[in-house]
Amino acid sequence: MRLLHTMLRVGDLDRSIAFYTQVMGMQLLDRRDNTEYQYTLAFVGYGNNPEHAELELTYNWGVSDYDMGSAYGHIAIAVTDAAATCERIRANGGQVTREAGPVKGGQTVIAFVTDPDGYKIELIERPAMA
């Protein structure tokens, strides 16, 4: 078994695609309209399946926001330099909600950003990726 994708419901598909491609540096991998059931799917990621997991952004036509509830935590993305990534994200209009620094009680450097729908994204520094 392997993780294929994570689905997020979004209120403005074009805004979300712009965030994940222009701010987070992902690629738009696929986009599909389903006119019968009135939704559009967009797949974004740093590469295609099966080598890379993807995000499936689901826009249900006419729905602009969702109740996030209290169960959702975050998506995690490995980066080589969390502080530099935060600066790049901020320079591209993204919202950094926790600056890069050690995780509480540990040494791993993390940061958090928030997407336009309020989903949290954790950046985990993994310098060995370079």
N, C-alpha and C. Protein backbone atom coordinates (compact mmCIF):
# COMPACT_ATOMS: atom_id res chain seq x y z
N MET A 1 0.84 -1.19 0.00
CA MET A 1 0.00 0.00 0.00
C MET A 1 0.88 1.24 0.00
N ARG A 2 0.32 2.32 -0.52
CA ARG A 2 1.04 3.60 -0.50
C ARG A 2 0.03 4.74 -0.47
N LEU A 3 0.43 5.86 0.08
CA LEU A 3 -0.40 7.05 0.11
C LEU A 3 -0.44 7.67 -1.28
N LEU A 4 -1.64 7.89 -1.84
CA LEU A 4 -1.78 8.46 -3.18
C LEU A 4 -2.05 9.96 -3.16
N HIS A 5 -3.07 10.36 -2.39
CA HIS A 5 -3.38 11.79 -2.31
C HIS A 5 -4.18 12.09 -1.05
N THR A 6 -4.24 13.37 -0.73
CA THR A 6 -5.07 13.89 0.34
C THR A 6 -6.05 14.87 -0.30
N MET A 7 -7.33 14.77 0.02
CA MET A 7 -8.34 15.64 -0.57
C MET A 7 -8.68 16.76 0.40
N LEU A 8 -8.71 17.99 -0.14
CA LEU A 8 -9.13 19.16 0.62
C LEU A 8 -10.27 19.83 -0.13
N ARG A 9 -11.35 20.16 0.57
CA ARG A 9 -12.45 20.89 -0.05
C ARG A 9 -12.09 22.38 0.00
N VAL A 10 -12.22 23.05 -1.14
CA VAL A 10 -11.83 24.45 -1.23
C VAL A 10 -12.99 25.30 -1.71
N GLY A 11 -13.01 26.55 -1.28
CA GLY A 11 -14.10 27.46 -1.62
C GLY A 11 -13.89 28.24 -2.90
N ASP A 12 -12.66 28.36 -3.37
CA ASP A 12 -12.34 29.07 -4.61
C ASP A 12 -11.19 28.32 -5.26
N LEU A 13 -11.51 27.51 -6.26
CA LEU A 13 -10.51 26.61 -6.83
C LEU A 13 -9.34 27.37 -7.46
N ASP A 14 -9.63 28.42 -8.20
CA ASP A 14 -8.54 29.16 -8.84
C ASP A 14 -7.60 29.77 -7.80
N ARG A 15 -8.16 30.30 -6.72
CA ARG A 15 -7.35 30.87 -5.64
C ARG A 15 -6.48 29.79 -5.01
N SER A 16 -7.04 28.61 -4.79
CA SER A 16 -6.27 27.51 -4.19
C SER A 16 -5.18 27.00 -5.13
N ILE A 17 -5.51 26.87 -6.41
CA ILE A 17 -4.49 26.45 -7.37
C ILE A 17 -3.36 27.47 -7.39
N ALA A 18 -3.69 28.75 -7.40
CA ALA A 18 -2.66 29.80 -7.40
C ALA A 18 -1.79 29.69 -6.15
N PHE A 19 -2.38 29.46 -4.99
CA PHE A 19 -1.61 29.34 -3.76
C PHE A 19 -0.65 28.16 -3.83
N TYR A 20 -1.16 27.00 -4.18
CA TYR A 20 -0.32 25.80 -4.15
C TYR A 20 0.74 25.81 -5.26
N THR A 21 0.46 26.46 -6.40
CA THR A 21 1.46 26.50 -7.47
C THR A 21 2.40 27.69 -7.33
N GLN A 22 1.88 28.88 -7.10
CA GLN A 22 2.71 30.08 -7.07
C GLN A 22 3.39 30.32 -5.73
N VAL A 23 2.72 29.99 -4.63
CA VAL A 23 3.27 30.23 -3.30
C VAL A 23 4.03 29.01 -2.78
N MET A 24 3.45 27.81 -2.94
CA MET A 24 4.07 26.60 -2.41
C MET A 24 4.97 25.88 -3.42
N GLY A 25 4.96 26.32 -4.66
CA GLY A 25 5.86 25.75 -5.66
C GLY A 25 5.46 24.41 -6.24
N MET A 26 4.20 24.02 -6.08
CA MET A 26 3.72 22.77 -6.66
C MET A 26 3.36 22.98 -8.13
N GLN A 27 3.04 21.91 -8.81
CA GLN A 27 2.60 21.94 -10.19
C GLN A 27 1.13 21.53 -10.24
N LEU A 28 0.37 22.13 -11.16
CA LEU A 28 -0.98 21.66 -11.43
C LEU A 28 -0.83 20.42 -12.30
N LEU A 29 -1.22 19.27 -11.78
CA LEU A 29 -1.00 18.00 -12.45
C LEU A 29 -2.20 17.56 -13.30
N ASP A 30 -3.41 17.93 -12.86
CA ASP A 30 -4.62 17.53 -13.57
C ASP A 30 -5.78 18.36 -13.06
N ARG A 31 -6.75 18.57 -13.92
CA ARG A 31 -7.97 19.29 -13.53
C ARG A 31 -9.11 18.65 -14.28
N ARG A 32 -10.19 18.31 -13.54
CA ARG A 32 -11.33 17.60 -14.13
C ARG A 32 -12.64 18.20 -13.63
N ASP A 33 -13.54 18.49 -14.56
CA ASP A 33 -14.89 18.94 -14.22
C ASP A 33 -15.84 17.77 -14.28
N ASN A 34 -16.77 17.70 -13.32
CA ASN A 34 -17.83 16.72 -13.35
C ASN A 34 -19.15 17.50 -13.38
N THR A 35 -19.68 17.70 -14.58
CA THR A 35 -20.88 18.52 -14.73
C THR A 35 -22.12 17.85 -14.15
N GLU A 36 -22.17 16.52 -14.20
CA GLU A 36 -23.34 15.82 -13.68
C GLU A 36 -23.50 16.04 -12.18
N TYR A 37 -22.39 15.96 -11.44
CA TYR A 37 -22.46 16.10 -9.99
C TYR A 37 -21.94 17.46 -9.50
N GLN A 38 -21.63 18.35 -10.41
CA GLN A 38 -21.28 19.74 -10.14
C GLN A 38 -20.10 19.91 -9.17
N TYR A 39 -18.98 19.35 -9.56
CA TYR A 39 -17.75 19.60 -8.82
C TYR A 39 -16.57 19.57 -9.78
N THR A 40 -15.48 20.19 -9.34
CA THR A 40 -14.24 20.18 -10.10
C THR A 40 -13.13 19.71 -9.20
N LEU A 41 -12.26 18.85 -9.73
CA LEU A 41 -11.09 18.36 -9.01
C LEU A 41 -9.85 18.93 -9.67
N ALA A 42 -8.90 19.34 -8.84
CA ALA A 42 -7.59 19.74 -9.34
C ALA A 42 -6.56 19.01 -8.50
N PHE A 43 -5.60 18.39 -9.16
CA PHE A 43 -4.54 17.68 -8.46
C PHE A 43 -3.26 18.50 -8.57
N VAL A 44 -2.64 18.77 -7.43
CA VAL A 44 -1.38 19.52 -7.38
C VAL A 44 -0.35 18.71 -6.61
N GLY A 45 0.91 18.97 -6.88
CA GLY A 45 1.97 18.27 -6.15
C GLY A 45 3.33 18.62 -6.69
N TYR A 46 4.33 17.99 -6.10
CA TYR A 46 5.72 18.20 -6.52
C TYR A 46 6.15 17.16 -7.55
N GLY A 47 5.25 16.33 -7.96
CA GLY A 47 5.47 15.29 -8.96
C GLY A 47 4.24 14.42 -8.99
N ASN A 48 4.15 13.57 -10.01
CA ASN A 48 2.98 12.71 -10.20
C ASN A 48 3.08 11.41 -9.42
N ASN A 49 1.91 10.82 -9.17
CA ASN A 49 1.85 9.45 -8.69
C ASN A 49 2.46 8.55 -9.75
N PRO A 50 3.09 7.46 -9.44
CA PRO A 50 3.18 6.90 -8.10
C PRO A 50 4.40 7.36 -7.30
N GLU A 51 5.28 8.18 -7.90
CA GLU A 51 6.49 8.60 -7.18
C GLU A 51 6.21 9.59 -6.06
N HIS A 52 5.17 10.42 -6.22
CA HIS A 52 4.86 11.46 -5.25
C HIS A 52 3.38 11.43 -4.89
N ALA A 53 3.08 11.66 -3.63
CA ALA A 53 1.69 11.85 -3.23
C ALA A 53 1.23 13.22 -3.73
N GLU A 54 -0.06 13.38 -3.92
CA GLU A 54 -0.63 14.61 -4.45
C GLU A 54 -1.68 15.17 -3.51
N LEU A 55 -2.05 16.43 -3.72
CA LEU A 55 -3.21 17.02 -3.06
C LEU A 55 -4.33 17.09 -4.10
N GLU A 56 -5.49 16.62 -3.71
CA GLU A 56 -6.68 16.74 -4.55
C GLU A 56 -7.50 17.90 -3.99
N LEU A 57 -7.61 18.96 -4.74
CA LEU A 57 -8.41 20.11 -4.34
C LEU A 57 -9.79 19.93 -4.95
N THR A 58 -10.82 19.85 -4.11
CA THR A 58 -12.18 19.61 -4.58
C THR A 58 -13.00 20.87 -4.40
N TYR A 59 -13.54 21.36 -5.51
CA TYR A 59 -14.45 22.50 -5.47
C TYR A 59 -15.85 22.01 -5.82
N ASN A 60 -16.75 22.07 -4.84
CA ASN A 60 -18.16 21.75 -5.07
C ASN A 60 -18.82 23.05 -5.51
N TRP A 61 -19.33 23.06 -6.73
CA TRP A 61 -19.83 24.27 -7.35
C TRP A 61 -20.84 24.97 -6.43
N GLY A 62 -20.60 26.26 -6.20
CA GLY A 62 -21.51 27.08 -5.40
C GLY A 62 -21.22 27.06 -3.91
N VAL A 63 -20.25 26.28 -3.45
CA VAL A 63 -19.92 26.23 -2.02
C VAL A 63 -18.62 27.01 -1.82
N SER A 64 -18.70 28.10 -1.05
CA SER A 64 -17.52 28.97 -0.90
C SER A 64 -16.75 28.78 0.40
N ASP A 65 -17.34 28.09 1.38
CA ASP A 65 -16.59 27.85 2.61
C ASP A 65 -17.12 26.62 3.33
N TYR A 66 -16.27 26.08 4.21
CA TYR A 66 -16.58 24.86 4.95
C TYR A 66 -16.27 25.06 6.42
N ASP A 67 -16.97 24.34 7.26
CA ASP A 67 -16.65 24.30 8.69
C ASP A 67 -15.47 23.36 8.85
N MET A 68 -14.35 23.88 9.33
CA MET A 68 -13.13 23.07 9.44
C MET A 68 -13.23 22.01 10.53
N GLY A 69 -14.06 22.23 11.51
CA GLY A 69 -14.14 21.26 12.60
C GLY A 69 -12.87 21.28 13.44
N SER A 70 -12.77 20.34 14.35
CA SER A 70 -11.60 20.32 15.24
C SER A 70 -10.71 19.10 15.01
N ALA A 71 -11.01 18.28 14.04
CA ALA A 71 -10.24 17.06 13.83
C ALA A 71 -9.03 17.27 12.90
N TYR A 72 -9.14 18.18 11.95
CA TYR A 72 -8.04 18.38 10.99
C TYR A 72 -6.82 18.95 11.70
N GLY A 73 -5.67 18.42 11.36
CA GLY A 73 -4.42 18.93 11.93
C GLY A 73 -3.65 19.74 10.92
N HIS A 74 -2.89 19.07 10.05
CA HIS A 74 -2.10 19.77 9.05
C HIS A 74 -1.55 18.79 8.02
N ILE A 75 -1.06 19.35 6.94
CA ILE A 75 -0.29 18.64 5.94
C ILE A 75 1.17 18.94 6.26
N ALA A 76 2.08 18.00 6.07
CA ALA A 76 3.50 18.24 6.32
C ALA A 76 4.28 18.15 5.00
N ILE A 77 5.20 19.10 4.82
CA ILE A 77 6.04 19.14 3.63
C ILE A 77 7.49 19.27 4.09
N ALA A 78 8.36 18.43 3.55
CA ALA A 78 9.79 18.51 3.85
C ALA A 78 10.42 19.64 3.04
N VAL A 79 11.26 20.44 3.69
CA VAL A 79 11.99 21.53 3.03
C VAL A 79 13.44 21.48 3.49
N THR A 80 14.34 22.01 2.67
CA THR A 80 15.76 21.99 3.07
C THR A 80 16.11 23.11 4.03
N ASP A 81 15.38 24.23 3.98
CA ASP A 81 15.65 25.38 4.85
C ASP A 81 14.32 26.04 5.18
N ALA A 82 13.82 25.81 6.39
CA ALA A 82 12.49 26.29 6.77
C ALA A 82 12.42 27.81 6.79
N ALA A 83 13.45 28.49 7.29
CA ALA A 83 13.43 29.95 7.36
C ALA A 83 13.41 30.56 5.95
N ALA A 84 14.24 30.05 5.05
CA ALA A 84 14.27 30.56 3.68
C ALA A 84 12.95 30.26 2.97
N THR A 85 12.36 29.11 3.23
CA THR A 85 11.09 28.76 2.62
C THR A 85 10.00 29.70 3.12
N CYS A 86 10.01 30.04 4.41
CA CYS A 86 9.03 31.00 4.95
C CYS A 86 9.17 32.35 4.25
N GLU A 87 10.39 32.80 4.05
CA GLU A 87 10.62 34.09 3.37
C GLU A 87 10.08 34.05 1.94
N ARG A 88 10.34 32.96 1.23
CA ARG A 88 9.85 32.83 -0.14
C ARG A 88 8.33 32.81 -0.18
N ILE A 89 7.73 32.07 0.76
CA ILE A 89 6.26 31.99 0.83
C ILE A 89 5.68 33.36 1.13
N ARG A 90 6.25 34.06 2.09
CA ARG A 90 5.78 35.40 2.46
C ARG A 90 5.93 36.36 1.27
N ALA A 91 7.06 36.28 0.56
CA ALA A 91 7.31 37.16 -0.59
C ALA A 91 6.31 36.91 -1.72
N ASN A 92 5.76 35.70 -1.78
CA ASN A 92 4.78 35.35 -2.81
C ASN A 92 3.34 35.50 -2.32
N GLY A 93 3.15 36.15 -1.18
CA GLY A 93 1.81 36.44 -0.69
C GLY A 93 1.23 35.43 0.27
N GLY A 94 2.01 34.44 0.67
CA GLY A 94 1.53 33.43 1.61
C GLY A 94 1.58 33.92 3.05
N GLN A 95 0.83 33.26 3.92
CA GLN A 95 0.73 33.64 5.32
C GLN A 95 1.51 32.65 6.19
N VAL A 96 2.59 33.12 6.80
CA VAL A 96 3.36 32.31 7.74
C VAL A 96 2.74 32.51 9.12
N THR A 97 2.31 31.42 9.75
CA THR A 97 1.64 31.52 11.04
C THR A 97 2.52 31.07 12.20
N ARG A 98 3.65 30.43 11.90
CA ARG A 98 4.65 30.11 12.92
C ARG A 98 6.00 30.16 12.22
N GLU A 99 6.84 31.05 12.70
CA GLU A 99 8.17 31.20 12.10
C GLU A 99 9.00 29.94 12.33
N ALA A 100 10.01 29.77 11.51
CA ALA A 100 10.90 28.60 11.61
C ALA A 100 11.63 28.61 12.95
N GLY A 101 11.65 27.46 13.57
CA GLY A 101 12.35 27.28 14.85
C GLY A 101 12.15 25.87 15.34
N PRO A 102 12.86 25.51 16.40
CA PRO A 102 12.77 24.14 16.92
C PRO A 102 11.36 23.81 17.42
N VAL A 103 10.95 22.58 17.18
CA VAL A 103 9.69 22.09 17.72
C VAL A 103 9.80 22.07 19.24
N LYS A 104 8.70 22.32 19.93
CA LYS A 104 8.72 22.30 21.40
C LYS A 104 9.22 20.95 21.89
N GLY A 105 10.22 20.98 22.75
CA GLY A 105 10.75 19.76 23.33
C GLY A 105 11.66 18.97 22.42
N GLY A 106 12.09 19.58 21.30
CA GLY A 106 12.95 18.86 20.37
C GLY A 106 13.88 19.78 19.62
N GLN A 107 14.54 19.24 18.63
CA GLN A 107 15.50 20.02 17.86
C GLN A 107 15.12 20.18 16.40
N THR A 108 14.14 19.43 15.93
CA THR A 108 13.71 19.53 14.54
C THR A 108 13.16 20.92 14.28
N VAL A 109 13.62 21.57 13.21
CA VAL A 109 13.15 22.91 12.86
C VAL A 109 11.88 22.78 12.02
N ILE A 110 10.84 23.48 12.46
CA ILE A 110 9.56 23.47 11.75
C ILE A 110 9.05 24.90 11.60
N ALA A 111 8.06 25.07 10.75
CA ALA A 111 7.33 26.32 10.60
C ALA A 111 5.93 25.95 10.13
N PHE A 112 5.01 26.89 10.19
CA PHE A 112 3.66 26.66 9.71
C PHE A 112 3.21 27.80 8.81
N VAL A 113 2.48 27.44 7.76
CA VAL A 113 1.81 28.41 6.90
C VAL A 113 0.35 27.98 6.80
N THR A 114 -0.48 28.91 6.36
CA THR A 114 -1.91 28.64 6.22
C THR A 114 -2.33 28.93 4.79
N ASP A 115 -3.11 28.02 4.20
CA ASP A 115 -3.58 28.24 2.83
C ASP A 115 -4.81 29.15 2.84
N PRO A 116 -5.31 29.58 1.69
CA PRO A 116 -6.43 30.52 1.66
C PRO A 116 -7.73 30.02 2.30
N ASP A 117 -7.89 28.70 2.44
CA ASP A 117 -9.09 28.16 3.08
C ASP A 117 -8.88 27.89 4.57
N GLY A 118 -7.70 28.19 5.10
CA GLY A 118 -7.43 27.99 6.51
C GLY A 118 -6.75 26.69 6.86
N TYR A 119 -6.40 25.87 5.85
CA TYR A 119 -5.70 24.62 6.13
C TYR A 119 -4.26 24.92 6.54
N LYS A 120 -3.79 24.23 7.57
CA LYS A 120 -2.43 24.42 8.06
C LYS A 120 -1.47 23.50 7.31
N ILE A 121 -0.28 24.03 7.04
CA ILE A 121 0.77 23.28 6.36
C ILE A 121 2.04 23.42 7.20
N GLU A 122 2.55 22.29 7.65
CA GLU A 122 3.78 22.29 8.43
C GLU A 122 4.97 22.11 7.49
N LEU A 123 5.97 22.94 7.67
CA LEU A 123 7.23 22.80 6.93
C LEU A 123 8.23 22.17 7.88
N ILE A 124 8.78 21.04 7.51
CA ILE A 124 9.74 20.32 8.36
C ILE A 124 11.09 20.36 7.68
N GLU A 125 12.07 20.92 8.37
CA GLU A 125 13.40 21.05 7.80
C GLU A 125 14.11 19.70 7.74
N ARG A 126 14.52 19.34 6.53
CA ARG A 126 15.26 18.11 6.29
C ARG A 126 16.43 18.46 5.37
N PRO A 127 17.52 18.99 5.92
CA PRO A 127 18.64 19.46 5.10
C PRO A 127 19.23 18.39 4.20
N ALA A 128 19.10 17.12 4.55
CA ALA A 128 19.68 16.04 3.75
C ALA A 128 19.02 15.91 2.38
N MET A 129 17.90 16.61 2.15
CA MET A 129 17.20 16.53 0.86
C MET A 129 18.00 17.18 -0.26
N ALA A 130 18.86 18.12 0.10
CA ALA A 130 19.57 18.90 -0.93
C ALA A 130 20.49 18.05 -1.77
